[in-house]
Amino acid sequence: MLLDLTEALLGGAQGSAVARISQDLVLCRTLLAGNMLTIMRVTQHGHRQAAEHIISRMYGWRGYGNHHELPDHASRTTFIAYVDDEARGTITLTVDSPHKLGVDATFPEETERLRRTSRTSLCELTKFAFDPSPRSRPMLAVLFHVIFMYGTQRHDCTDLVIEVNPRHVRFYEASLGFERVGPLRANASVNAPSQLMRLQVAHIDAHIKLLGGRSTPEGHSLYQHFLGQDDAEALRRRIATIIELEHSCQARADEPRGTQPSCTTTFNHLPAVSPCHAHGPDRKGAAALCCRP
């Protein structure tokens, strides 16, 4: 369910706990099994604290420490998933830069080999935590779909890397198609074994086209719970518009004050989009609100 873009840019519906802190970008909102799932890109302190709380709680339970912070850096984008008004999951996308990636600390040789591959642009998924529940798989799938599309459109990612505990390797292989890279190594920061894994964006696109929006009770793939084609196209347009507006605002920041309307004014005067509910047997009753001109 994708909301009016103006509402998304300004923080969502008034009165909602999700929207009390403005200027975090709502990228996707969809109704799943009677619950409203909202995926936001975190920029404000309140949502960042909520994401840190989820990470600290989930990681602490696994013995990885119970005080985790999310550094605010230009190369990192954190996403948070709310189910109704409750923060339920988070993940951070880090773009390769001169500062390198987190996986470089444990897998420097493997990561450098991937960088040297022709036309490769690495992005890393890190600080992932999601409350487990019987209904969490479709929600987790939508979160990953939003991140994959954002990383591709905003940062031209061609390959995603992730560092996981060996007991989670099979999940990433079966659910998303990640492949192992190199041997197990010891991660000094958590004092635990770790496996580097890689997923090519071309692989993601192929599976989304094959399985997206076609939820079935069988199989372990998360792609069957991804957004359908129409909803994915609506999300693509939303992300493209947000990127365009942000570039415009950045350029405007360098101009003399008062010569151009503010970014908030521009957002408030965006053309509205009308909601439409996706129908069809492949949606299995999940209502989706699409962006339509």
Protein backbone atom coordinates (compact mmCIF):
# COMPACT_ATOMS: atom_id res chain seq x y z
CA MET A 1 0.00 0.00 0.00
CA LEU A 2 1.75 3.14 -1.21
CA LEU A 3 0.51 6.43 0.20
CA ASP A 4 0.26 9.83 -1.40
CA LEU A 5 3.85 10.99 -1.90
CA THR A 6 3.32 14.32 -0.15
CA GLU A 7 2.10 12.46 2.92
CA ALA A 8 5.06 10.10 2.74
CA LEU A 9 7.61 12.88 2.49
CA LEU A 10 6.11 14.74 5.42
CA GLY A 11 5.86 11.73 7.72
CA GLY A 12 2.52 10.03 7.14
CA ALA A 13 -0.95 10.39 8.53
CA GLN A 14 -1.33 12.90 11.35
CA GLY A 15 -1.95 11.47 14.78
CA SER A 16 -0.23 8.15 14.15
CA ALA A 17 2.64 7.27 16.47
CA VAL A 18 4.58 6.33 13.35
CA ALA A 19 4.19 9.87 12.05
CA ARG A 20 4.81 11.97 15.14
CA ILE A 21 8.36 12.67 14.06
CA SER A 22 8.16 14.32 10.66
CA GLN A 23 10.52 14.13 7.68
CA ASP A 24 11.26 10.42 7.89
CA LEU A 25 10.25 9.10 4.50
CA VAL A 26 7.49 6.53 4.29
CA LEU A 27 8.49 4.37 1.34
CA CYS A 28 5.81 1.72 1.52
CA ARG A 29 2.63 1.01 3.44
CA THR A 30 0.72 -2.23 2.93
CA LEU A 31 -2.02 -4.15 4.69
CA LEU A 32 -1.00 -7.73 5.50
CA ALA A 33 -3.26 -10.13 7.41
CA GLY A 34 -5.15 -7.22 8.93
CA ASN A 35 -2.03 -5.37 10.10
CA MET A 36 -0.62 -2.18 8.58
CA LEU A 37 3.04 -2.55 7.66
CA THR A 38 4.92 0.72 7.20
CA ILE A 39 8.49 0.83 5.87
CA MET A 40 10.33 4.08 6.54
CA ARG A 41 13.75 5.46 5.76
CA VAL A 42 15.14 6.72 9.05
CA THR A 43 16.44 10.27 9.35
CA GLN A 44 15.03 11.46 12.67
CA HIS A 45 16.25 10.67 16.17
CA GLY A 46 13.07 9.06 17.47
CA HIS A 47 12.89 6.42 14.75
CA ARG A 48 16.64 5.86 15.00
CA GLN A 49 16.24 5.16 18.72
CA ALA A 50 13.44 2.70 17.96
CA ALA A 51 15.69 0.88 15.48
CA GLU A 52 18.56 0.79 17.99
CA HIS A 53 16.23 -0.63 20.63
CA ILE A 54 15.19 -3.49 18.34
CA ILE A 55 18.82 -4.29 17.48
CA SER A 56 19.97 -4.16 21.11
CA ARG A 57 17.12 -6.39 22.25
CA MET A 58 17.49 -9.00 19.49
CA TYR A 59 21.29 -9.02 19.50
CA GLY A 60 21.44 -9.11 23.29
CA TRP A 61 19.27 -12.21 23.29
CA ARG A 62 21.85 -13.85 21.00
CA GLY A 63 24.74 -12.79 23.22
CA TYR A 64 26.05 -10.05 20.91
CA GLY A 65 25.72 -7.19 23.40
CA ASN A 66 22.68 -5.18 24.39
CA HIS A 67 23.77 -1.63 23.54
CA HIS A 68 24.00 -0.96 19.80
CA GLU A 69 24.03 2.42 18.10
CA LEU A 70 23.46 3.38 14.47
CA PRO A 71 26.06 5.93 13.37
CA ASP A 72 24.71 8.69 11.17
CA HIS A 73 26.89 8.59 8.04
CA ALA A 74 26.31 9.59 4.43
CA SER A 75 27.12 6.08 3.20
CA ARG A 76 24.52 4.41 5.49
CA THR A 77 20.74 4.34 5.19
CA THR A 78 18.66 2.72 7.92
CA PHE A 79 15.15 1.41 7.33
CA ILE A 80 12.58 0.58 9.98
CA ALA A 81 9.42 -1.52 9.75
CA TYR A 82 6.38 -0.69 11.86
CA VAL A 83 3.48 -3.09 12.27
CA ASP A 84 0.58 -0.82 13.08
CA ASP A 85 2.28 1.50 15.63
CA GLU A 86 4.90 -0.96 16.88
CA ALA A 87 8.49 -0.97 15.61
CA ARG A 88 9.17 -4.56 14.61
CA GLY A 89 12.27 -4.65 12.43
CA THR A 90 15.21 -2.74 11.01
CA ILE A 91 18.10 -3.10 8.59
CA THR A 92 20.84 -0.76 7.36
CA LEU A 93 22.14 -0.44 3.81
CA THR A 94 25.76 0.71 3.51
CA VAL A 95 27.22 1.84 0.18
CA ASP A 96 30.85 1.11 -0.65
CA SER A 97 33.04 4.19 -0.28
CA PRO A 98 36.61 5.14 0.62
CA HIS A 99 35.61 4.27 4.19
CA LYS A 100 34.93 0.71 2.94
CA LEU A 101 32.34 -1.66 4.36
CA GLY A 102 31.85 -3.43 7.65
CA VAL A 103 32.66 -6.80 6.07
CA ASP A 104 36.16 -5.52 5.25
CA ALA A 105 37.12 -5.97 8.90
CA THR A 106 36.59 -9.75 8.83
CA PHE A 107 36.78 -10.55 5.10
CA PRO A 108 39.26 -8.07 3.57
CA GLU A 109 40.62 -10.37 0.83
CA GLU A 110 37.22 -11.66 -0.27
CA THR A 111 35.71 -8.18 -0.36
CA GLU A 112 38.60 -6.79 -2.39
CA ARG A 113 38.21 -9.59 -4.93
CA LEU A 114 34.54 -8.69 -5.32
CA ARG A 115 35.43 -5.01 -5.78
CA ARG A 116 37.85 -5.87 -8.58
CA THR A 117 35.12 -7.66 -10.51
CA SER A 118 34.17 -5.65 -13.59
CA ARG A 119 31.22 -3.27 -13.19
CA THR A 120 30.61 -4.24 -9.58
CA SER A 121 29.15 -1.77 -7.10
CA LEU A 122 28.99 -3.27 -3.61
CA CYS A 123 26.39 -2.50 -0.97
CA GLU A 124 26.24 -4.14 2.45
CA LEU A 125 23.26 -5.15 4.56
CA THR A 126 23.97 -4.86 8.26
CA LYS A 127 22.32 -4.30 11.66
CA PHE A 128 19.42 -6.54 10.69
CA ALA A 129 16.87 -7.43 13.36
CA PHE A 130 13.22 -8.45 13.03
CA ASP A 131 10.82 -9.70 15.67
CA PRO A 132 9.92 -13.30 14.81
CA SER A 133 6.27 -14.25 14.53
CA PRO A 134 4.16 -16.67 12.47
CA ARG A 135 3.20 -13.75 10.19
CA SER A 136 6.62 -12.13 9.91
CA ARG A 137 7.75 -13.69 6.62
CA PRO A 138 5.53 -11.56 4.31
CA MET A 139 6.50 -8.45 6.28
CA LEU A 140 10.16 -9.33 6.10
CA ALA A 141 9.80 -9.87 2.35
CA VAL A 142 8.33 -6.40 1.80
CA LEU A 143 11.15 -4.85 3.85
CA PHE A 144 13.77 -6.59 1.70
CA HIS A 145 11.93 -5.62 -1.50
CA VAL A 146 11.95 -1.95 -0.52
CA ILE A 147 15.65 -2.09 0.35
CA PHE A 148 16.60 -3.88 -2.86
CA MET A 149 14.77 -1.31 -4.97
CA TYR A 150 16.13 1.63 -3.00
CA GLY A 151 19.72 0.35 -3.20
CA THR A 152 19.44 -0.22 -6.94
CA GLN A 153 17.83 3.11 -7.76
CA ARG A 154 19.58 5.36 -5.26
CA HIS A 155 23.07 3.83 -5.27
CA ASP A 156 23.29 1.63 -8.40
CA CYS A 157 24.11 -1.43 -6.29
CA THR A 158 24.99 -4.47 -8.40
CA ASP A 159 25.92 -6.85 -5.56
CA LEU A 160 24.77 -7.09 -1.96
CA VAL A 161 27.01 -8.58 0.72
CA ILE A 162 26.12 -9.63 4.23
CA GLU A 163 28.02 -11.19 7.13
CA VAL A 164 26.03 -13.79 9.06
CA ASN A 165 26.41 -16.37 11.77
CA PRO A 166 26.79 -19.88 10.26
CA ARG A 167 23.46 -21.00 11.71
CA HIS A 168 21.69 -18.38 9.54
CA VAL A 169 23.42 -19.29 6.27
CA ARG A 170 20.71 -21.69 5.14
CA PHE A 171 18.01 -19.05 5.66
CA TYR A 172 19.73 -16.57 3.35
CA GLU A 173 20.43 -19.26 0.77
CA ALA A 174 16.90 -20.66 0.67
CA SER A 175 14.94 -17.45 1.24
CA LEU A 176 16.82 -14.95 -0.91
CA GLY A 177 19.42 -16.83 -2.95
CA PHE A 178 22.58 -15.53 -1.26
CA GLU A 179 25.77 -17.48 -2.01
CA ARG A 180 28.68 -18.16 0.33
CA VAL A 181 31.93 -16.32 -0.33
CA GLY A 182 35.11 -17.75 1.15
CA PRO A 183 35.49 -19.77 4.35
CA LEU A 184 34.20 -19.12 7.84
CA ARG A 185 36.16 -16.53 9.81
CA ALA A 186 36.07 -15.21 13.36
CA ASN A 187 34.35 -11.86 13.79
CA ALA A 188 36.32 -10.11 16.52
CA SER A 189 33.60 -7.55 17.31
CA VAL A 190 31.10 -10.19 18.49
CA ASN A 191 33.58 -13.00 19.20
CA ALA A 192 31.68 -15.45 16.99
CA PRO A 193 32.18 -17.30 13.69
CA SER A 194 30.99 -15.51 10.58
CA GLN A 195 30.23 -16.27 6.93
CA LEU A 196 30.41 -13.74 4.10
CA MET A 197 27.55 -14.03 1.59
CA ARG A 198 26.78 -12.31 -1.70
CA LEU A 199 23.64 -11.71 -3.76
CA GLN A 200 23.70 -10.28 -7.27
CA VAL A 201 20.99 -7.74 -8.10
CA ALA A 202 20.37 -9.50 -11.43
CA HIS A 203 19.42 -12.59 -9.43
CA ILE A 204 16.98 -10.53 -7.36
CA ASP A 205 15.31 -9.04 -10.42
CA ALA A 206 14.84 -12.45 -12.01
CA HIS A 207 13.22 -13.93 -8.91
CA ILE A 208 10.95 -10.92 -8.39
CA LYS A 209 9.66 -11.20 -11.95
CA LEU A 210 9.10 -14.93 -11.50
CA LEU A 211 7.59 -15.01 -8.01
CA GLY A 212 6.73 -11.48 -6.82
CA GLY A 213 3.16 -11.17 -5.55
CA ARG A 214 2.41 -14.88 -6.03
CA SER A 215 2.26 -16.02 -2.42
CA THR A 216 1.86 -19.76 -1.91
CA PRO A 217 2.00 -21.89 1.24
CA GLU A 218 4.80 -24.01 -0.19
CA GLY A 219 8.47 -23.16 -0.49
CA HIS A 220 10.96 -21.16 1.53
CA SER A 221 11.61 -18.31 -0.89
CA LEU A 222 10.74 -14.83 0.37
CA TYR A 223 10.32 -13.64 -3.22
CA GLN A 224 6.81 -15.11 -3.35
CA HIS A 225 5.84 -12.52 -0.70
CA PHE A 226 7.43 -9.58 -2.54
CA LEU A 227 5.23 -6.87 -4.02
CA GLY A 228 3.43 -7.70 -7.25
CA GLN A 229 4.43 -6.07 -10.52
CA ASP A 230 2.03 -3.10 -10.32
CA ASP A 231 2.92 -2.32 -6.71
CA ALA A 232 6.64 -2.66 -7.42
CA GLU A 233 6.32 -0.21 -10.30
CA ALA A 234 4.49 2.22 -8.02
CA LEU A 235 7.29 1.90 -5.46
CA ARG A 236 9.90 2.45 -8.18
CA ARG A 237 8.21 5.69 -9.19
CA ARG A 238 7.99 6.83 -5.58
CA ILE A 239 11.69 6.25 -4.96
CA ALA A 240 12.59 7.97 -8.25
CA THR A 241 10.53 11.01 -7.28
CA ILE A 242 12.07 11.18 -3.81
CA ILE A 243 15.57 11.01 -5.31
CA GLU A 244 14.72 13.76 -7.79
CA LEU A 245 13.31 15.98 -5.05
CA GLU A 246 16.31 15.42 -2.80
CA HIS A 247 18.71 16.31 -5.61
CA SER A 248 16.65 19.44 -6.28
CA CYS A 249 16.72 20.40 -2.60
CA GLN A 250 20.47 19.85 -2.42
CA ALA A 251 21.02 22.12 -5.41
CA ARG A 252 18.64 24.68 -3.91
CA ALA A 253 20.62 24.73 -0.66
CA ASP A 254 23.53 26.30 -2.56
CA GLU A 255 21.40 29.15 -3.92
CA PRO A 256 20.87 32.51 -2.15
CA ARG A 257 18.20 32.29 0.52
CA GLY A 258 14.77 33.40 -0.60
CA THR A 259 15.33 32.95 -4.33
CA GLN A 260 13.58 29.57 -4.47
CA PRO A 261 10.62 28.03 -2.62
CA SER A 262 11.52 25.78 0.30
CA CYS A 263 11.62 22.00 -0.04
CA THR A 264 8.61 21.71 2.28
CA THR A 265 6.66 24.06 0.02
CA THR A 266 7.63 21.98 -2.99
CA PHE A 267 6.53 18.74 -1.29
CA ASN A 268 3.19 20.28 -0.31
CA HIS A 269 2.46 21.20 -3.92
CA LEU A 270 3.25 17.83 -5.46
CA PRO A 271 0.43 16.40 -7.57
CA ALA A 272 -1.64 13.99 -5.51
CA VAL A 273 -1.88 10.34 -6.46
CA SER A 274 -5.03 8.27 -6.17
CA PRO A 275 -5.20 4.96 -4.27
CA CYS A 276 -6.19 1.78 -6.02
CA HIS A 277 -6.57 -1.68 -4.54
CA ALA A 278 -4.78 -4.50 -6.32
CA HIS A 279 -7.01 -7.43 -7.14
CA GLY A 280 -6.42 -10.93 -8.42
CA PRO A 281 -5.89 -14.41 -7.04
CA ASP A 282 -2.15 -13.91 -6.78
CA ARG A 283 -2.59 -11.30 -4.01
CA LYS A 284 -4.18 -13.82 -1.61
CA GLY A 285 -6.37 -11.13 -0.10
CA ALA A 286 -3.57 -8.69 0.71
CA ALA A 287 -4.77 -5.16 -0.04
CA ALA A 288 -2.21 -2.96 -1.74
CA LEU A 289 -2.56 0.75 -2.38
CA CYS A 290 -0.72 1.77 -5.55
CA CYS A 291 0.46 5.14 -6.81
CA ARG A 292 -1.48 6.11 -9.91
CA PRO A 293 -1.09 9.44 -11.74
